[in-house]
Every structure is written in structure tokens, then in C-alpha cells.
């Protein structure tokens, strides 16, 4: 059960326009993360705008984006994010269910090529160690230009923040 109340925003005139924007950007649903964040409307608004930028404006290929998001969700043990992304979003971006399942233990899987493995090593290093060793950075940077590396790094950092907020507030999956 969530540690803070879910704001029932339906019918609250002062939130109506923002709630409509949230629903439009999230497949017509007002997700529990936003019901939690609406306890602090500036946080909800900033979160929504920032995550939309991260998802859609960084120029990260959809398959890579989902690979990273799902790996971080497994790494940080956040079922909410896994359930939001697997299978529908992951498959829509080209990840198979076998690949999604293999992300739990990618190092012992044959599902991923050299580029994927470099991305996943970088993701794990940023998630676990924060300070990324040169060999891990150089392996992933061999596959991306500087703009893409910044985008990938922002994506990884953002979803580590995201999953930690989900865990700290114990946000429940929608019913």
C-alpha cells in the first residue's frame, strides 16, 4: 500500500486541465505515480514534462530506451515499472518477451549482442557504483556519439531516480 495518499483528482476543477494532459500523455489513464505526485502539483507537473522529454526528445532508439528502463526496474526491484513496460511497451519498441525476461540476469544470457551488453553494463555500473569505470564507459561509447552518450546517461540516471521514488513511496500498480 502506498505510503502517501492517492489524490483523487477527478472532479477537482483546479487540477482538471493538468489531469487531462496527464491522461492524454499516458494512454488515457491517470497512473498511480501521478495520483501520488499530485500531493505536490509542481512536482507532478515537472515530473511529467521532464519524463516526456527523456522518453521522446533525447533521440534514444525505442528498443534501447525499453532495454534500459526494464533493466533498471529489475535491478532496483520495482515491479510497478516492469508491469507498465512488459510486454506492451517493450514489444512495441522491438524487445521480445525472452529478452525482457533475460534482463533479470543479462550477463548469463545469450539474448544480447555486443552493443546491448555494453549498454547493460553501463546501466548496471551507473545504477550500482555511480562512478563508471573507464573500460565500461569506453565499451558503450564505442557505439554512440557524444549527443547519444549524454542522452543515454540522462535516461539511466532518470530511471534510477524514478524507480527509487516508486520504491520509497511504495506505489501500487493500478488495478
C-alpha atoms as a PDB file:
ATOM      1  CA  UNK A   1       0.000   0.000   0.000  1.00  0.00           C
ATOM      2  CA  UNK A   2       1.281   3.433  -0.918  1.00  0.00           C
ATOM      3  CA  UNK A   3       2.869   5.426   1.890  1.00  0.00           C
ATOM      4  CA  UNK A   4       1.111   8.658   0.932  1.00  0.00           C
ATOM      5  CA  UNK A   5      -2.448   9.156  -0.214  1.00  0.00           C
ATOM      6  CA  UNK A   6      -3.540   8.850  -3.814  1.00  0.00           C
ATOM      7  CA  UNK A   7      -5.093  12.147  -4.867  1.00  0.00           C
ATOM      8  CA  UNK A   8      -8.465  11.534  -6.462  1.00  0.00           C
ATOM      9  CA  UNK A   9      -8.198  14.383  -8.934  1.00  0.00           C
ATOM     10  CA  UNK A  10     -11.325  13.587 -10.909  1.00  0.00           C
ATOM     11  CA  UNK A  11     -13.742  16.447 -10.382  1.00  0.00           C
ATOM     12  CA  UNK A  12     -11.199  18.822  -8.831  1.00  0.00           C
ATOM     13  CA  UNK A  13     -11.563  21.854 -11.076  1.00  0.00           C
ATOM     14  CA  UNK A  14      -8.158  23.319 -10.189  1.00  0.00           C
ATOM     15  CA  UNK A  15      -6.490  20.104 -11.428  1.00  0.00           C
ATOM     16  CA  UNK A  16      -8.783  19.328 -14.380  1.00  0.00           C
ATOM     17  CA  UNK A  17      -6.642  20.769 -17.170  1.00  0.00           C
ATOM     18  CA  UNK A  18      -3.458  19.161 -15.868  1.00  0.00           C
ATOM     19  CA  UNK A  19      -5.186  15.804 -15.280  1.00  0.00           C
ATOM     20  CA  UNK A  20      -6.464  15.868 -18.871  1.00  0.00           C
ATOM     21  CA  UNK A  21      -2.881  16.499 -20.041  1.00  0.00           C
ATOM     22  CA  UNK A  22      -1.617  13.621 -17.884  1.00  0.00           C
ATOM     23  CA  UNK A  23      -4.212  11.228 -19.243  1.00  0.00           C
ATOM     24  CA  UNK A  24      -3.546  12.259 -22.831  1.00  0.00           C
ATOM     25  CA  UNK A  25       0.138  11.518 -22.354  1.00  0.00           C
ATOM     26  CA  UNK A  26      -0.387   8.188 -20.597  1.00  0.00           C
ATOM     27  CA  UNK A  27      -2.737   6.198 -22.807  1.00  0.00           C
ATOM     28  CA  UNK A  28      -5.858   7.754 -21.285  1.00  0.00           C
ATOM     29  CA  UNK A  29      -5.046   6.706 -17.722  1.00  0.00           C
ATOM     30  CA  UNK A  30      -4.258   8.664 -14.592  1.00  0.00           C
ATOM     31  CA  UNK A  31      -1.470   6.450 -13.285  1.00  0.00           C
ATOM     32  CA  UNK A  32      -0.856   5.986  -9.575  1.00  0.00           C
ATOM     33  CA  UNK A  33       2.514   7.732  -9.801  1.00  0.00           C
ATOM     34  CA  UNK A  34       0.658  10.902 -10.761  1.00  0.00           C
ATOM     35  CA  UNK A  35      -2.029  10.365  -8.123  1.00  0.00           C
ATOM     36  CA  UNK A  36       0.842  10.298  -5.608  1.00  0.00           C
ATOM     37  CA  UNK A  37       2.704  13.235  -7.123  1.00  0.00           C
ATOM     38  CA  UNK A  38      -0.477  15.331  -7.217  1.00  0.00           C
ATOM     39  CA  UNK A  39       0.017  15.715  -3.469  1.00  0.00           C
ATOM     40  CA  UNK A  40       2.608  18.248  -4.680  1.00  0.00           C
ATOM     41  CA  UNK A  41       1.287  19.659  -8.003  1.00  0.00           C
ATOM     42  CA  UNK A  42       4.568  21.371  -9.035  1.00  0.00           C
ATOM     43  CA  UNK A  43       6.344  18.010  -8.602  1.00  0.00           C
ATOM     44  CA  UNK A  44       3.697  16.264 -10.709  1.00  0.00           C
ATOM     45  CA  UNK A  45       3.902  18.855 -13.473  1.00  0.00           C
ATOM     46  CA  UNK A  46       7.686  18.959 -13.543  1.00  0.00           C
ATOM     47  CA  UNK A  47       7.920  15.168 -13.444  1.00  0.00           C
ATOM     48  CA  UNK A  48       5.501  14.776 -16.342  1.00  0.00           C
ATOM     49  CA  UNK A  49       7.281  17.324 -18.532  1.00  0.00           C
ATOM     50  CA  UNK A  50      10.747  16.021 -17.672  1.00  0.00           C
ATOM     51  CA  UNK A  51       9.897  12.355 -18.272  1.00  0.00           C
ATOM     52  CA  UNK A  52       8.249  13.186 -21.583  1.00  0.00           C
ATOM     53  CA  UNK A  53      11.448  14.958 -22.629  1.00  0.00           C
ATOM     54  CA  UNK A  54      13.540  11.971 -21.533  1.00  0.00           C
ATOM     55  CA  UNK A  55      11.322   9.462 -23.312  1.00  0.00           C
ATOM     56  CA  UNK A  56      10.695  11.289 -26.556  1.00  0.00           C
ATOM     57  CA  UNK A  57      13.244  14.057 -27.133  1.00  0.00           C
ATOM     58  CA  UNK A  58      16.665  12.602 -26.304  1.00  0.00           C
ATOM     59  CA  UNK A  59      16.902  10.757 -29.606  1.00  0.00           C
ATOM     60  CA  UNK A  60      17.305   7.362 -27.936  1.00  0.00           C
ATOM     61  CA  UNK A  61      16.102   4.459 -30.070  1.00  0.00           C
ATOM     62  CA  UNK A  62      12.928   2.967 -28.556  1.00  0.00           C
ATOM     63  CA  UNK A  63      14.369  -0.514 -28.157  1.00  0.00           C
ATOM     64  CA  UNK A  64      17.362   0.842 -26.243  1.00  0.00           C
ATOM     65  CA  UNK A  65      15.097   3.007 -24.096  1.00  0.00           C
ATOM     66  CA  UNK A  66      12.991  -0.001 -23.086  1.00  0.00           C
ATOM     67  CA  UNK A  67      16.090  -2.187 -22.596  1.00  0.00           C
ATOM     68  CA  UNK A  68      17.453   0.361 -20.113  1.00  0.00           C
ATOM     69  CA  UNK A  69      14.160   1.083 -18.333  1.00  0.00           C
ATOM     70  CA  UNK A  70      13.314  -2.582 -17.823  1.00  0.00           C
ATOM     71  CA  UNK A  71      16.849  -3.469 -16.702  1.00  0.00           C
ATOM     72  CA  UNK A  72      16.790  -0.674 -14.113  1.00  0.00           C
ATOM     73  CA  UNK A  73      13.359  -1.836 -12.925  1.00  0.00           C
ATOM     74  CA  UNK A  74      14.719  -5.362 -12.382  1.00  0.00           C
ATOM     75  CA  UNK A  75      17.935  -4.039 -10.828  1.00  0.00           C
ATOM     76  CA  UNK A  76      16.031  -1.846  -8.353  1.00  0.00           C
ATOM     77  CA  UNK A  77      13.252  -4.437  -7.825  1.00  0.00           C
ATOM     78  CA  UNK A  78      10.377  -2.224  -8.958  1.00  0.00           C
ATOM     79  CA  UNK A  79       7.505  -4.393 -10.155  1.00  0.00           C
ATOM     80  CA  UNK A  80       5.375  -1.340 -10.943  1.00  0.00           C
ATOM     81  CA  UNK A  81       7.739  -0.239 -13.727  1.00  0.00           C
ATOM     82  CA  UNK A  82       8.168  -3.791 -15.036  1.00  0.00           C
ATOM     83  CA  UNK A  83       4.390  -4.236 -15.279  1.00  0.00           C
ATOM     84  CA  UNK A  84       3.986  -0.854 -17.002  1.00  0.00           C
ATOM     85  CA  UNK A  85       6.564  -1.726 -19.675  1.00  0.00           C
ATOM     86  CA  UNK A  86       6.351  -5.529 -20.170  1.00  0.00           C
ATOM     87  CA  UNK A  87       5.001  -6.741 -22.501  1.00  0.00           C
ATOM     88  CA  UNK A  88       3.114  -3.954 -24.285  1.00  0.00           C
ATOM     89  CA  UNK A  89       5.632  -1.084 -24.413  1.00  0.00           C
ATOM     90  CA  UNK A  90       8.650  -3.366 -24.696  1.00  0.00           C
ATOM     91  CA  UNK A  91       7.215  -5.340 -27.602  1.00  0.00           C
ATOM     92  CA  UNK A  92       6.053  -2.165 -29.359  1.00  0.00           C
ATOM     93  CA  UNK A  93       9.690  -0.992 -29.330  1.00  0.00           C
ATOM     94  CA  UNK A  94      11.095  -4.300 -30.582  1.00  0.00           C
ATOM     95  CA  UNK A  95      12.075  -6.171 -27.408  1.00  0.00           C
ATOM     96  CA  UNK A  96      10.898  -9.767 -27.261  1.00  0.00           C
ATOM     97  CA  UNK A  97       9.448 -11.306 -24.120  1.00  0.00           C
ATOM     98  CA  UNK A  98      12.512 -13.578 -23.986  1.00  0.00           C
ATOM     99  CA  UNK A  99      14.772 -10.508 -23.975  1.00  0.00           C
ATOM    100  CA  UNK A 100      12.667  -8.843 -21.286  1.00  0.00           C
ATOM    101  CA  UNK A 101      12.875 -11.935 -19.107  1.00  0.00           C
ATOM    102  CA  UNK A 102      16.627 -12.245 -19.732  1.00  0.00           C
ATOM    103  CA  UNK A 103      17.174  -8.711 -18.421  1.00  0.00           C
ATOM    104  CA  UNK A 104      16.899 -10.126 -14.888  1.00  0.00           C
ATOM    105  CA  UNK A 105      20.275 -11.836 -15.411  1.00  0.00           C
ATOM    106  CA  UNK A 106      21.558 -10.433 -18.706  1.00  0.00           C
ATOM    107  CA  UNK A 107      25.201 -11.309 -18.023  1.00  0.00           C
ATOM    108  CA  UNK A 108      24.353 -15.026 -18.199  1.00  0.00           C
ATOM    109  CA  UNK A 109      22.076 -14.732 -21.229  1.00  0.00           C
ATOM    110  CA  UNK A 110      22.745 -15.178 -24.931  1.00  0.00           C
ATOM    111  CA  UNK A 111      19.862 -12.846 -25.859  1.00  0.00           C
ATOM    112  CA  UNK A 112      22.001  -9.728 -26.255  1.00  0.00           C
ATOM    113  CA  UNK A 113      24.610  -8.614 -28.777  1.00  0.00           C
ATOM    114  CA  UNK A 114      27.823  -6.713 -28.039  1.00  0.00           C
ATOM    115  CA  UNK A 115      26.149  -3.296 -28.172  1.00  0.00           C
ATOM    116  CA  UNK A 116      23.290  -4.361 -25.888  1.00  0.00           C
ATOM    117  CA  UNK A 117      25.777  -5.855 -23.437  1.00  0.00           C
ATOM    118  CA  UNK A 118      27.796  -2.627 -23.365  1.00  0.00           C
ATOM    119  CA  UNK A 119      24.602  -0.632 -22.717  1.00  0.00           C
ATOM    120  CA  UNK A 120      23.550  -3.012 -19.960  1.00  0.00           C
ATOM    121  CA  UNK A 121      26.993  -2.962 -18.318  1.00  0.00           C
ATOM    122  CA  UNK A 122      26.902   0.846 -18.355  1.00  0.00           C
ATOM    123  CA  UNK A 123      23.358   0.813 -16.947  1.00  0.00           C
ATOM    124  CA  UNK A 124      24.343  -1.531 -14.130  1.00  0.00           C
ATOM    125  CA  UNK A 125      27.501   0.406 -13.355  1.00  0.00           C
ATOM    126  CA  UNK A 126      25.628   3.706 -13.105  1.00  0.00           C
ATOM    127  CA  UNK A 127      22.927   2.031 -11.012  1.00  0.00           C
ATOM    128  CA  UNK A 128      25.222   0.177  -8.641  1.00  0.00           C
ATOM    129  CA  UNK A 129      28.506   2.068  -8.470  1.00  0.00           C
ATOM    130  CA  UNK A 130      27.606   5.554  -9.713  1.00  0.00           C
ATOM    131  CA  UNK A 131      31.268   6.110 -10.693  1.00  0.00           C
ATOM    132  CA  UNK A 132      31.606   4.303 -14.033  1.00  0.00           C
ATOM    133  CA  UNK A 133      34.977   2.657 -14.749  1.00  0.00           C
ATOM    134  CA  UNK A 134      36.720   3.821 -17.935  1.00  0.00           C
ATOM    135  CA  UNK A 135      36.538   0.370 -19.528  1.00  0.00           C
ATOM    136  CA  UNK A 136      32.750   0.228 -19.075  1.00  0.00           C
ATOM    137  CA  UNK A 137      32.292   3.764 -20.398  1.00  0.00           C
ATOM    138  CA  UNK A 138      34.615   3.215 -23.363  1.00  0.00           C
ATOM    139  CA  UNK A 139      32.846  -0.018 -24.333  1.00  0.00           C
ATOM    140  CA  UNK A 140      29.465   1.711 -24.605  1.00  0.00           C
ATOM    141  CA  UNK A 141      30.864   4.954 -26.054  1.00  0.00           C
ATOM    142  CA  UNK A 142      32.249   2.944 -28.982  1.00  0.00           C
ATOM    143  CA  UNK A 143      28.636   2.572 -30.151  1.00  0.00           C
ATOM    144  CA  UNK A 144      27.405   6.158 -29.699  1.00  0.00           C
ATOM    145  CA  UNK A 145      28.370   9.748 -30.445  1.00  0.00           C
ATOM    146  CA  UNK A 146      28.605  12.364 -27.677  1.00  0.00           C
ATOM    147  CA  UNK A 147      24.993  13.510 -28.040  1.00  0.00           C
ATOM    148  CA  UNK A 148      23.759   9.932 -27.782  1.00  0.00           C
ATOM    149  CA  UNK A 149      26.011   9.228 -24.775  1.00  0.00           C
ATOM    150  CA  UNK A 150      24.585  12.204 -22.922  1.00  0.00           C
ATOM    151  CA  UNK A 151      21.051  11.074 -23.796  1.00  0.00           C
ATOM    152  CA  UNK A 152      21.747   7.501 -22.677  1.00  0.00           C
ATOM    153  CA  UNK A 153      23.316   8.717 -19.436  1.00  0.00           C
ATOM    154  CA  UNK A 154      20.362  11.029 -18.702  1.00  0.00           C
ATOM    155  CA  UNK A 155      17.947   8.154 -19.403  1.00  0.00           C
ATOM    156  CA  UNK A 156      19.771   5.844 -16.989  1.00  0.00           C
ATOM    157  CA  UNK A 157      20.044   8.489 -14.277  1.00  0.00           C
ATOM    158  CA  UNK A 158      16.398   9.452 -14.671  1.00  0.00           C
ATOM    159  CA  UNK A 159      15.076   5.927 -14.361  1.00  0.00           C
ATOM    160  CA  UNK A 160      17.240   5.276 -11.321  1.00  0.00           C
ATOM    161  CA  UNK A 161      15.619   8.350  -9.753  1.00  0.00           C
ATOM    162  CA  UNK A 162      12.215   7.214 -10.981  1.00  0.00           C
ATOM    163  CA  UNK A 163      12.469   3.694  -9.557  1.00  0.00           C
ATOM    164  CA  UNK A 164      13.825   4.923  -6.239  1.00  0.00           C
ATOM    165  CA  UNK A 165      10.813   7.205  -5.828  1.00  0.00           C
ATOM    166  CA  UNK A 166       8.491   4.304  -6.644  1.00  0.00           C
ATOM    167  CA  UNK A 167      10.226   2.171  -4.008  1.00  0.00           C
ATOM    168  CA  UNK A 168      10.389   4.851  -1.304  1.00  0.00           C
ATOM    169  CA  UNK A 169       6.698   5.717  -1.641  1.00  0.00           C
ATOM    170  CA  UNK A 170       5.673   2.066  -2.205  1.00  0.00           C
ATOM    171  CA  UNK A 171       3.474   2.949  -5.168  1.00  0.00           C
ATOM    172  CA  UNK A 172       0.926   0.270  -6.038  1.00  0.00           C
ATOM    173  CA  UNK A 173       0.190  -0.942  -9.543  1.00  0.00           C
ATOM    174  CA  UNK A 174      -3.136   0.228 -10.944  1.00  0.00           C
ATOM    175  CA  UNK A 175      -5.963  -2.263 -10.687  1.00  0.00           C
END
